Amino acid sequence: MLKILTHGSRGYVIYTFVKEIVENVFWTVFSVYLTEWIYVSIENKTPFTALAAFVGAMCLGHVCIHITAAVHHLCEKQFMSKMYQDFYKRVIRKSVLSA
């Protein structure tokens, strides 16, 4: 099935796969590590500027993830029709040849 989908639009399938991995890893880091780092920084009395810089960098990363998701959504409209078209061509071709 993956071979059929990648035949329709290989770049889109790879982009979707990589995007999902990056989003899930970043979300795990963002929700777990960021909270832990904030608590440890407060307990160790880390300067507020370092805390704000780290939180700002994480938020900037989060915005980049959302921009990537928006680009993916825009590309989805174009590439999904191409993938479905290729998929249905293959199905029809196989059904005609086997009949």
C-alpha atoms as a PDB file:
ATOM      1  CA  MET A   1       0.000   0.000   0.000  1.00  0.00           C
ATOM      2  CA  LEU A   2       2.803   2.397   0.860  1.00  0.00           C
ATOM      3  CA  LYS A   3       4.436   1.615  -2.469  1.00  0.00           C
ATOM      4  CA  ILE A   4       1.224   2.544  -4.271  1.00  0.00           C
ATOM      5  CA  LEU A   5       0.931   5.805  -2.335  1.00  0.00           C
ATOM      6  CA  THR A   6       4.554   6.778  -2.885  1.00  0.00           C
ATOM      7  CA  HIS A   7       4.136   6.158  -6.592  1.00  0.00           C
ATOM      8  CA  GLY A   8       1.446   8.869  -6.659  1.00  0.00           C
ATOM      9  CA  SER A   9       3.524  11.465  -4.832  1.00  0.00           C
ATOM     10  CA  ARG A  10       6.707  10.245  -3.181  1.00  0.00           C
ATOM     11  CA  GLY A  11       7.754  13.634  -1.793  1.00  0.00           C
ATOM     12  CA  TYR A  12       4.403  14.265  -0.142  1.00  0.00           C
ATOM     13  CA  VAL A  13       4.386  10.867   1.582  1.00  0.00           C
ATOM     14  CA  ILE A  14       7.938  11.345   2.866  1.00  0.00           C
ATOM     15  CA  TYR A  15       7.137  14.910   3.988  1.00  0.00           C
ATOM     16  CA  THR A  16       4.047  13.675   5.847  1.00  0.00           C
ATOM     17  CA  PHE A  17       6.022  10.916   7.560  1.00  0.00           C
ATOM     18  CA  VAL A  18       8.838  13.241   8.652  1.00  0.00           C
ATOM     19  CA  LYS A  19       6.387  15.964   9.744  1.00  0.00           C
ATOM     20  CA  GLU A  20       4.465  13.555  11.964  1.00  0.00           C
ATOM     21  CA  ILE A  21       7.644  12.247  13.600  1.00  0.00           C
ATOM     22  CA  VAL A  22       8.996  15.750  14.247  1.00  0.00           C
ATOM     23  CA  GLU A  23       5.641  16.969  15.604  1.00  0.00           C
ATOM     24  CA  ASN A  24       5.280  14.066  18.019  1.00  0.00           C
ATOM     25  CA  VAL A  25       8.869  14.229  19.264  1.00  0.00           C
ATOM     26  CA  PHE A  26       8.688  17.995  19.703  1.00  0.00           C
ATOM     27  CA  TRP A  27       5.344  17.765  21.499  1.00  0.00           C
ATOM     28  CA  THR A  28       6.818  15.222  23.929  1.00  0.00           C
ATOM     29  CA  VAL A  29       9.844  17.427  24.566  1.00  0.00           C
ATOM     30  CA  PHE A  30       7.678  20.535  24.780  1.00  0.00           C
ATOM     31  CA  SER A  31       5.200  19.091  27.273  1.00  0.00           C
ATOM     32  CA  VAL A  32       7.553  17.038  29.456  1.00  0.00           C
ATOM     33  CA  TYR A  33      11.045  18.531  29.273  1.00  0.00           C
ATOM     34  CA  LEU A  34       9.945  22.163  29.243  1.00  0.00           C
ATOM     35  CA  THR A  35       7.857  21.750  32.379  1.00  0.00           C
ATOM     36  CA  GLU A  36      10.663  19.890  34.143  1.00  0.00           C
ATOM     37  CA  TRP A  37      13.238  22.488  33.097  1.00  0.00           C
ATOM     38  CA  ILE A  38      11.059  25.346  34.385  1.00  0.00           C
ATOM     39  CA  TYR A  39      10.633  23.675  37.788  1.00  0.00           C
ATOM     40  CA  VAL A  40      14.348  22.880  38.095  1.00  0.00           C
ATOM     41  CA  SER A  41      15.246  26.432  37.048  1.00  0.00           C
ATOM     42  CA  ILE A  42      12.960  27.907  39.677  1.00  0.00           C
ATOM     43  CA  GLU A  43      14.344  25.581  42.377  1.00  0.00           C
ATOM     44  CA  ASN A  44      17.955  26.395  41.414  1.00  0.00           C
ATOM     45  CA  LYS A  45      17.151  30.117  41.197  1.00  0.00           C
ATOM     46  CA  THR A  46      18.282  30.388  37.583  1.00  0.00           C
ATOM     47  CA  PRO A  47      18.199  33.978  36.273  1.00  0.00           C
ATOM     48  CA  PHE A  48      14.905  34.941  34.707  1.00  0.00           C
ATOM     49  CA  THR A  49      16.586  35.921  31.432  1.00  0.00           C
ATOM     50  CA  ALA A  50      17.859  32.365  30.897  1.00  0.00           C
ATOM     51  CA  LEU A  51      14.435  30.977  31.702  1.00  0.00           C
ATOM     52  CA  ALA A  52      12.720  33.437  29.353  1.00  0.00           C
ATOM     53  CA  ALA A  53      15.224  32.724  26.564  1.00  0.00           C
ATOM     54  CA  PHE A  54      14.677  28.969  26.813  1.00  0.00           C
ATOM     55  CA  VAL A  55      10.886  29.268  26.941  1.00  0.00           C
ATOM     56  CA  GLY A  56      11.008  31.718  24.019  1.00  0.00           C
ATOM     57  CA  ALA A  57      13.145  29.312  21.974  1.00  0.00           C
ATOM     58  CA  MET A  58      10.740  26.462  22.684  1.00  0.00           C
ATOM     59  CA  CYS A  59       7.768  28.624  21.707  1.00  0.00           C
ATOM     60  CA  LEU A  60       9.540  29.661  18.514  1.00  0.00           C
ATOM     61  CA  GLY A  61      10.097  25.986  17.732  1.00  0.00           C
ATOM     62  CA  HIS A  62       6.410  25.366  18.374  1.00  0.00           C
ATOM     63  CA  VAL A  63       5.476  28.127  15.928  1.00  0.00           C
ATOM     64  CA  CYS A  64       7.789  26.587  13.312  1.00  0.00           C
ATOM     65  CA  ILE A  65       6.030  23.250  13.767  1.00  0.00           C
ATOM     66  CA  HIS A  66       2.677  24.968  13.184  1.00  0.00           C
ATOM     67  CA  ILE A  67       3.993  26.694  10.047  1.00  0.00           C
ATOM     68  CA  THR A  68       5.176  23.316   8.757  1.00  0.00           C
ATOM     69  CA  ALA A  69       1.724  21.866   9.473  1.00  0.00           C
ATOM     70  CA  ALA A  70       0.076  24.757   7.593  1.00  0.00           C
ATOM     71  CA  VAL A  71       2.314  24.211   4.559  1.00  0.00           C
ATOM     72  CA  HIS A  72       1.487  20.497   4.728  1.00  0.00           C
ATOM     73  CA  HIS A  73      -2.213  21.300   4.766  1.00  0.00           C
ATOM     74  CA  LEU A  74      -1.859  23.525   1.694  1.00  0.00           C
ATOM     75  CA  CYS A  75       0.100  20.855  -0.168  1.00  0.00           C
ATOM     76  CA  GLU A  76      -2.433  18.225   0.847  1.00  0.00           C
ATOM     77  CA  LYS A  77      -5.081  19.680  -1.447  1.00  0.00           C
ATOM     78  CA  GLN A  78      -2.797  19.412  -4.443  1.00  0.00           C
ATOM     79  CA  PHE A  79      -1.118  16.073  -3.798  1.00  0.00           C
ATOM     80  CA  MET A  80      -4.037  14.077  -2.409  1.00  0.00           C
ATOM     81  CA  SER A  81      -5.963  14.411  -5.669  1.00  0.00           C
ATOM     82  CA  LYS A  82      -2.878  13.288  -7.585  1.00  0.00           C
ATOM     83  CA  MET A  83      -2.416  10.300  -5.280  1.00  0.00           C
ATOM     84  CA  TYR A  84      -6.074   9.268  -5.522  1.00  0.00           C
ATOM     85  CA  GLN A  85      -5.982   9.650  -9.291  1.00  0.00           C
ATOM     86  CA  ASP A  86      -2.930   7.418  -9.546  1.00  0.00           C
ATOM     87  CA  PHE A  87      -4.414   4.890  -7.115  1.00  0.00           C
ATOM     88  CA  TYR A  88      -7.715   4.619  -8.993  1.00  0.00           C
ATOM     89  CA  LYS A  89      -5.929   4.348 -12.337  1.00  0.00           C
ATOM     90  CA  ARG A  90      -4.036   1.348 -10.990  1.00  0.00           C
ATOM     91  CA  VAL A  91      -7.195  -0.252  -9.575  1.00  0.00           C
ATOM     92  CA  ILE A  92      -9.095   0.205 -12.820  1.00  0.00           C
ATOM     93  CA  ARG A  93      -6.146  -1.039 -14.881  1.00  0.00           C
ATOM     94  CA  LYS A  94      -5.860  -4.193 -12.740  1.00  0.00           C
ATOM     95  CA  SER A  95      -9.595  -4.843 -12.836  1.00  0.00           C
ATOM     96  CA  VAL A  96      -9.709  -4.462 -16.624  1.00  0.00           C
ATOM     97  CA  LEU A  97      -6.680  -6.703 -17.110  1.00  0.00           C
ATOM     98  CA  SER A  98      -8.001  -9.404 -14.785  1.00  0.00           C
ATOM     99  CA  ALA A  99     -11.491  -9.427 -16.314  1.00  0.00           C
END
